[in-house]
Amino acid sequence: MKNSPVASRPSWIIRNAMTLLTVAIILAYAGFIQWVWGWQTVASLWSGAGWGAGLVALGALLVTYVLRTWRIYDYFPTETAGHFGSLLRLVQVHNLLNIMLPFRTGEASFPLLMRREFALPLARTTSALLVMRLFDLHALLAAAGVGLVLQHGAPWVWALWGLFLLAPVVAFALRNRVFDIAARIVPAKGRKLVEEVRNGLPASGAAFARAWGATLVNWFTKIAVLAWVLGLLGGTTVAASFGGALGGELSSVLPVHAPAGVGTYPAGITAGAIAFGAGATGSPLEALGQAAVNTHLLVIVSSLVGTALSLFAARRKGN
């Protein structure tokens, strides 16, 4: 049964409000980049490396946004069915708010947007987001660890990395026993968090495999792209490049980070690259710093372009 025009009016207002919010964020980002760096400077960043390399890197990062959206689309198949474009726009708005707002306050926008757009309960989307963030952290560390295993190549290093990579599979298989133990040893104040994690887990082994697989592909792609860019622009080793990519992404998930990651994201890249051997291998730190800033700009521009494209991908819901 179709909704009446009066009943569908609030939904129409909400969708248009989201579009206006998205446009406002895009304009704010464009103005911010012009004010801090200038678009002419941004356009010249890749002249040495070649525009083809920049477009490949940008395209690969845009693919990761689609993968993130598909993971949520598969997480809530009934509510989001047939509205992938609208969900893509929602995910991009959430991503931009996460980047712009400090102290991870942008995370709160996800359950609110999901409730507005798809009428999903706040508790359900909050618990699912918590689980997805745990997946993200594991996949991020696993992807960054590729740099170490490629650098050293010892069989025991590969074995340790493989065990870490498969840890979520073991944890999911033993989830009931793990949560029963956690309920007994975790203090009363922390038991609610444990229950939130339990409620946010995929409903079946197949759903877990899809969510976990999409997360791994997403983060392995993003870390590989960022590491490639750092090596291309900064002349860093494989390990240092992956360490820099890890440092930058970890800086964006810490409670304290600057809006848009200005300063903190390049600093995270530099610190991560140095921790993985940059500077000690003859790569000049000045070149590393410049590469860190350029890589951060690539992330910002990809978020901006991804949000702009999501406006065209979003389709109106039928009444």
Protein backbone atom coordinates (compact mmCIF):
# COMPACT_ATOMS: atom_id res chain seq x y z
CA MET A 1 0.00 0.00 0.00
CA LYS A 2 1.42 3.35 -1.00
CA ASN A 3 1.86 6.17 1.44
CA SER A 4 -0.41 9.17 1.23
CA PRO A 5 1.08 12.50 0.08
CA VAL A 6 0.68 13.93 3.59
CA ALA A 7 2.36 10.94 5.24
CA SER A 8 5.27 10.98 2.77
CA ARG A 9 5.92 14.71 3.19
CA PRO A 10 8.21 14.35 6.27
CA SER A 11 10.28 11.75 4.43
CA TRP A 12 10.55 14.08 1.43
CA ILE A 13 11.72 16.91 3.70
CA ILE A 14 14.30 14.67 5.36
CA ARG A 15 15.75 13.50 2.04
CA ASN A 16 16.05 17.04 0.75
CA ALA A 17 17.57 18.18 4.02
CA MET A 18 20.23 15.46 3.64
CA THR A 19 20.95 16.64 0.10
CA LEU A 20 21.31 20.24 1.27
CA LEU A 21 23.58 19.11 4.11
CA THR A 22 25.73 17.19 1.65
CA VAL A 23 26.04 20.18 -0.68
CA ALA A 24 26.94 22.41 2.27
CA ILE A 25 29.68 20.00 3.36
CA ILE A 26 31.07 19.82 -0.17
CA LEU A 27 31.21 23.61 -0.44
CA ALA A 28 32.80 23.86 3.00
CA TYR A 29 35.50 21.38 2.00
CA ALA A 30 36.15 23.16 -1.29
CA GLY A 31 36.49 26.50 0.50
CA PHE A 32 38.67 24.96 3.18
CA ILE A 33 41.11 23.51 0.65
CA GLN A 34 41.23 26.79 -1.26
CA TRP A 35 41.89 28.73 1.95
CA VAL A 36 44.62 26.46 3.35
CA TRP A 37 46.41 25.22 0.23
CA GLY A 38 44.73 26.68 -2.84
CA TRP A 39 43.34 24.52 -5.59
CA GLN A 40 46.16 25.54 -7.91
CA THR A 41 48.66 24.05 -5.45
CA VAL A 42 46.57 20.90 -5.15
CA ALA A 43 46.46 20.56 -8.94
CA SER A 44 50.24 20.74 -9.16
CA LEU A 45 50.92 18.13 -6.47
CA TRP A 46 50.86 15.23 -8.89
CA SER A 47 52.61 16.88 -11.81
CA GLY A 48 55.88 15.15 -10.97
CA ALA A 49 54.37 11.72 -10.37
CA GLY A 50 51.99 11.98 -13.31
CA TRP A 51 48.26 12.57 -13.50
CA GLY A 52 47.65 8.96 -14.47
CA ALA A 53 48.97 7.73 -11.13
CA GLY A 54 46.84 10.28 -9.30
CA LEU A 55 43.69 9.23 -11.13
CA VAL A 56 44.37 5.54 -10.44
CA ALA A 57 44.86 6.26 -6.73
CA LEU A 58 41.72 8.41 -6.62
CA GLY A 59 39.68 5.78 -8.42
CA ALA A 60 40.84 3.03 -6.06
CA LEU A 61 39.86 5.11 -3.01
CA LEU A 62 36.43 5.76 -4.51
CA VAL A 63 35.98 2.00 -4.86
CA THR A 64 36.54 1.64 -1.10
CA TYR A 65 33.55 3.92 -0.45
CA VAL A 66 31.38 1.63 -2.56
CA LEU A 67 32.65 -1.37 -0.59
CA ARG A 68 31.81 0.32 2.70
CA THR A 69 28.33 1.04 1.46
CA TRP A 70 27.81 -2.52 0.25
CA ARG A 71 28.82 -3.85 3.67
CA ILE A 72 26.08 -1.79 5.33
CA TYR A 73 23.67 -2.64 2.51
CA ASP A 74 24.27 -6.32 3.23
CA TYR A 75 24.08 -5.76 6.99
CA PHE A 76 20.54 -4.38 6.69
CA PRO A 77 19.21 -6.09 3.55
CA THR A 78 15.49 -5.72 4.26
CA GLU A 79 15.50 -2.03 5.15
CA THR A 80 17.95 -0.85 2.47
CA ALA A 81 16.89 -3.09 -0.43
CA GLY A 82 16.67 -1.15 -3.68
CA HIS A 83 18.16 2.03 -2.22
CA PHE A 84 21.90 1.54 -2.65
CA GLY A 85 22.34 5.04 -4.06
CA SER A 86 20.63 6.68 -1.09
CA LEU A 87 22.72 4.58 1.27
CA LEU A 88 25.89 5.58 -0.59
CA ARG A 89 25.02 9.24 -0.05
CA LEU A 90 24.34 8.57 3.64
CA VAL A 91 27.66 6.79 4.06
CA GLN A 92 29.50 9.65 2.39
CA VAL A 93 27.83 12.24 4.60
CA HIS A 94 28.76 10.17 7.65
CA ASN A 95 32.34 9.88 6.39
CA LEU A 96 32.66 13.63 5.87
CA LEU A 97 31.22 14.41 9.29
CA ASN A 98 33.70 11.97 10.81
CA ILE A 99 36.56 13.76 9.08
CA MET A 100 35.40 17.28 9.87
CA LEU A 101 34.28 16.91 13.48
CA PRO A 102 36.87 16.36 16.25
CA PHE A 103 36.81 13.70 18.99
CA ARG A 104 35.00 11.20 16.73
CA THR A 105 31.71 13.02 17.30
CA GLY A 106 30.83 12.42 13.66
CA GLU A 107 30.23 8.74 14.49
CA ALA A 108 26.97 9.71 16.20
CA SER A 109 25.57 10.80 12.84
CA PHE A 110 25.40 7.24 11.49
CA PRO A 111 22.61 5.83 13.69
CA LEU A 112 20.72 9.11 13.42
CA LEU A 113 20.92 9.15 9.64
CA MET A 114 19.97 5.47 9.41
CA ARG A 115 16.93 6.10 11.58
CA ARG A 116 15.85 9.07 9.46
CA GLU A 117 16.43 7.49 6.10
CA PHE A 118 15.53 3.84 6.76
CA ALA A 119 13.60 3.92 10.06
CA LEU A 120 16.13 1.65 11.80
CA PRO A 121 16.27 1.66 15.62
CA LEU A 122 19.17 3.56 17.15
CA ALA A 123 20.24 0.63 19.33
CA ARG A 124 20.48 -1.73 16.37
CA THR A 125 22.54 0.58 14.15
CA THR A 126 24.76 1.68 17.06
CA SER A 127 25.64 -1.90 17.97
CA ALA A 128 26.23 -2.78 14.30
CA LEU A 129 28.48 0.28 13.90
CA LEU A 130 30.49 -0.77 16.95
CA VAL A 131 31.06 -4.24 15.49
CA MET A 132 31.99 -2.82 12.09
CA ARG A 133 34.52 -0.51 13.74
CA LEU A 134 36.10 -3.53 15.45
CA PHE A 135 36.27 -5.21 12.05
CA ASP A 136 37.83 -2.04 10.62
CA LEU A 137 40.51 -1.83 13.32
CA HIS A 138 41.52 -5.46 12.84
CA ALA A 139 41.62 -5.17 9.04
CA LEU A 140 43.58 -1.90 9.25
CA LEU A 141 46.26 -3.50 11.42
CA ALA A 142 46.34 -6.62 9.25
CA ALA A 143 46.72 -4.57 6.07
CA ALA A 144 49.48 -2.46 7.54
CA GLY A 145 51.25 -5.62 8.71
CA VAL A 146 51.75 -6.57 5.07
CA GLY A 147 54.56 -4.02 4.95
CA LEU A 148 56.42 -5.77 7.75
CA VAL A 149 56.06 -9.27 6.35
CA LEU A 150 57.11 -8.11 2.89
CA GLN A 151 60.11 -6.31 4.36
CA HIS A 152 61.34 -9.22 6.50
CA GLY A 153 59.84 -12.23 4.77
CA ALA A 154 60.76 -14.71 7.52
CA PRO A 155 58.41 -17.72 7.73
CA TRP A 156 57.61 -17.08 11.39
CA VAL A 157 56.60 -13.48 10.57
CA TRP A 158 54.19 -14.74 7.91
CA ALA A 159 52.84 -17.30 10.38
CA LEU A 160 52.16 -14.68 13.06
CA TRP A 161 50.51 -12.39 10.53
CA GLY A 162 48.33 -15.24 9.26
CA LEU A 163 47.20 -16.09 12.80
CA PHE A 164 46.29 -12.46 13.42
CA LEU A 165 44.47 -12.27 10.10
CA LEU A 166 42.29 -15.27 10.99
CA ALA A 167 41.61 -14.18 14.58
CA PRO A 168 38.08 -12.85 13.81
CA VAL A 169 37.09 -16.20 12.28
CA VAL A 170 38.09 -18.04 15.43
CA ALA A 171 36.42 -15.42 17.63
CA PHE A 172 33.16 -15.64 15.67
CA ALA A 173 33.16 -19.44 15.82
CA LEU A 174 33.60 -19.26 19.61
CA ARG A 175 31.41 -16.19 20.07
CA ASN A 176 28.86 -17.72 22.42
CA ARG A 177 31.52 -19.10 24.75
CA VAL A 178 33.50 -15.84 24.57
CA PHE A 179 30.48 -13.70 25.44
CA ASP A 180 29.50 -16.03 28.29
CA ILE A 181 32.98 -15.68 29.76
CA ALA A 182 32.95 -11.90 29.19
CA ALA A 183 29.62 -11.59 30.98
CA ARG A 184 31.15 -13.21 34.06
CA ILE A 185 34.46 -11.33 34.19
CA VAL A 186 33.51 -7.89 32.89
CA PRO A 187 32.38 -5.38 35.56
CA ALA A 188 28.67 -4.58 35.69
CA LYS A 189 29.20 -1.20 34.01
CA GLY A 190 30.84 -2.85 31.02
CA ARG A 191 28.30 -5.59 30.46
CA LYS A 192 26.02 -3.32 28.47
CA LEU A 193 28.86 -2.72 26.01
CA VAL A 194 29.41 -6.47 25.73
CA GLU A 195 25.73 -6.97 24.93
CA GLU A 196 25.89 -4.18 22.33
CA VAL A 197 28.74 -5.99 20.58
CA ARG A 198 26.84 -9.27 20.73
CA ASN A 199 23.68 -7.73 19.27
CA GLY A 200 25.65 -6.11 16.47
CA LEU A 201 27.29 -9.30 15.22
CA PRO A 202 26.19 -10.76 11.86
CA ALA A 203 23.29 -13.18 12.21
CA SER A 204 24.98 -16.13 10.47
CA GLY A 205 28.31 -17.48 9.35
CA ALA A 206 27.59 -16.48 5.75
CA ALA A 207 26.72 -12.91 6.80
CA PHE A 208 29.92 -12.76 8.87
CA ALA A 209 32.01 -13.98 5.93
CA ARG A 210 30.56 -11.30 3.66
CA ALA A 211 31.05 -8.50 6.19
CA TRP A 212 34.54 -9.62 7.16
CA GLY A 213 35.56 -10.18 3.54
CA ALA A 214 34.29 -6.77 2.43
CA THR A 215 36.15 -5.15 5.33
CA LEU A 216 39.43 -6.85 4.43
CA VAL A 217 39.17 -5.96 0.75
CA ASN A 218 38.28 -2.37 1.64
CA TRP A 219 41.19 -1.78 4.01
CA PHE A 220 43.77 -3.77 2.07
CA THR A 221 42.90 -1.64 -0.97
CA LYS A 222 43.05 1.66 0.91
CA ILE A 223 46.28 0.91 2.79
CA ALA A 224 47.93 -0.40 -0.39
CA VAL A 225 46.94 2.76 -2.30
CA LEU A 226 48.19 5.11 0.44
CA ALA A 227 51.42 3.13 0.81
CA TRP A 228 51.94 3.25 -2.95
CA VAL A 229 51.43 7.02 -2.97
CA LEU A 230 53.88 7.51 -0.10
CA GLY A 231 56.49 5.39 -1.84
CA LEU A 232 55.89 7.18 -5.13
CA LEU A 233 56.14 10.70 -3.72
CA GLY A 234 58.44 10.21 -0.74
CA GLY A 235 60.78 7.46 -1.88
CA THR A 236 60.08 5.39 1.25
CA THR A 237 60.64 1.67 1.59
CA VAL A 238 57.77 -0.80 1.47
CA ALA A 239 57.67 -1.19 5.26
CA ALA A 240 57.87 2.57 5.87
CA SER A 241 55.16 3.23 3.30
CA PHE A 242 52.77 0.77 4.95
CA GLY A 243 53.71 2.13 8.37
CA GLY A 244 52.94 5.66 7.21
CA ALA A 245 49.57 4.60 5.84
CA LEU A 246 48.80 2.90 9.16
CA GLY A 247 49.88 5.95 11.16
CA GLY A 248 47.71 8.30 9.14
CA GLU A 249 44.60 6.13 9.43
CA LEU A 250 45.14 5.47 13.13
CA SER A 251 45.42 9.22 13.74
CA SER A 252 41.94 9.64 12.26
CA VAL A 253 40.33 7.12 14.63
CA LEU A 254 41.95 8.38 17.84
CA PRO A 255 39.72 10.47 20.16
CA VAL A 256 41.83 13.59 19.62
CA HIS A 257 42.32 14.71 16.03
CA ALA A 258 41.99 18.02 14.24
CA PRO A 259 38.96 18.77 12.05
CA ALA A 260 39.63 17.34 8.58
CA GLY A 261 42.79 15.81 10.07
CA VAL A 262 44.75 18.99 9.32
CA GLY A 263 48.14 18.55 10.92
CA THR A 264 47.31 15.34 12.78
CA TYR A 265 46.90 13.10 9.73
CA PRO A 266 50.24 14.07 8.08
CA ALA A 267 51.90 13.85 11.51
CA GLY A 268 50.49 10.35 11.92
CA ILE A 269 51.82 9.36 8.50
CA THR A 270 55.28 10.73 9.33
CA ALA A 271 55.38 9.06 12.76
CA GLY A 272 54.22 5.73 11.35
CA ALA A 273 56.75 5.81 8.53
CA ILE A 274 59.61 6.65 10.91
CA ALA A 275 58.52 3.85 13.26
CA PHE A 276 58.77 1.43 10.32
CA GLY A 277 62.25 2.58 9.35
CA ALA A 278 61.91 5.80 7.33
CA GLY A 279 64.91 8.10 7.68
CA ALA A 280 67.18 5.25 8.72
CA THR A 281 67.21 3.94 5.16
CA GLY A 282 68.42 7.11 3.49
CA SER A 283 65.02 8.52 2.56
CA PRO A 284 65.03 12.25 3.39
CA LEU A 285 62.49 13.22 6.04
CA GLU A 286 61.68 16.44 4.19
CA ALA A 287 60.47 14.42 1.21
CA LEU A 288 58.50 12.21 3.59
CA GLY A 289 56.78 15.24 5.10
CA GLN A 290 55.81 16.55 1.68
CA ALA A 291 54.54 13.12 0.66
CA ALA A 292 52.50 12.95 3.88
CA VAL A 293 50.77 16.24 3.11
CA ASN A 294 50.08 15.17 -0.47
CA THR A 295 48.65 11.84 0.68
CA HIS A 296 46.38 13.63 3.14
CA LEU A 297 45.16 15.89 0.35
CA LEU A 298 44.40 12.82 -1.75
CA VAL A 299 42.23 11.43 1.07
CA ILE A 300 40.38 14.74 1.44
CA VAL A 301 39.82 15.12 -2.30
CA SER A 302 38.60 11.53 -2.57
CA SER A 303 36.06 12.19 0.18
CA LEU A 304 34.94 15.35 -1.57
CA VAL A 305 34.63 13.68 -4.98
CA GLY A 306 32.95 10.63 -3.50
CA THR A 307 30.30 12.76 -1.81
CA ALA A 308 29.68 14.74 -4.98
CA LEU A 309 29.26 11.56 -7.03
CA SER A 310 26.96 10.06 -4.40
CA LEU A 311 24.46 12.86 -5.06
CA PHE A 312 24.07 11.60 -8.63
CA ALA A 313 23.94 7.97 -7.52
CA ALA A 314 21.17 8.56 -4.98
CA ARG A 315 17.70 7.83 -6.27
CA ARG A 316 14.41 8.99 -4.93
CA LYS A 317 12.42 6.47 -2.98
CA GLY A 318 9.11 5.54 -4.52
CA ASN A 319 5.95 6.65 -2.70
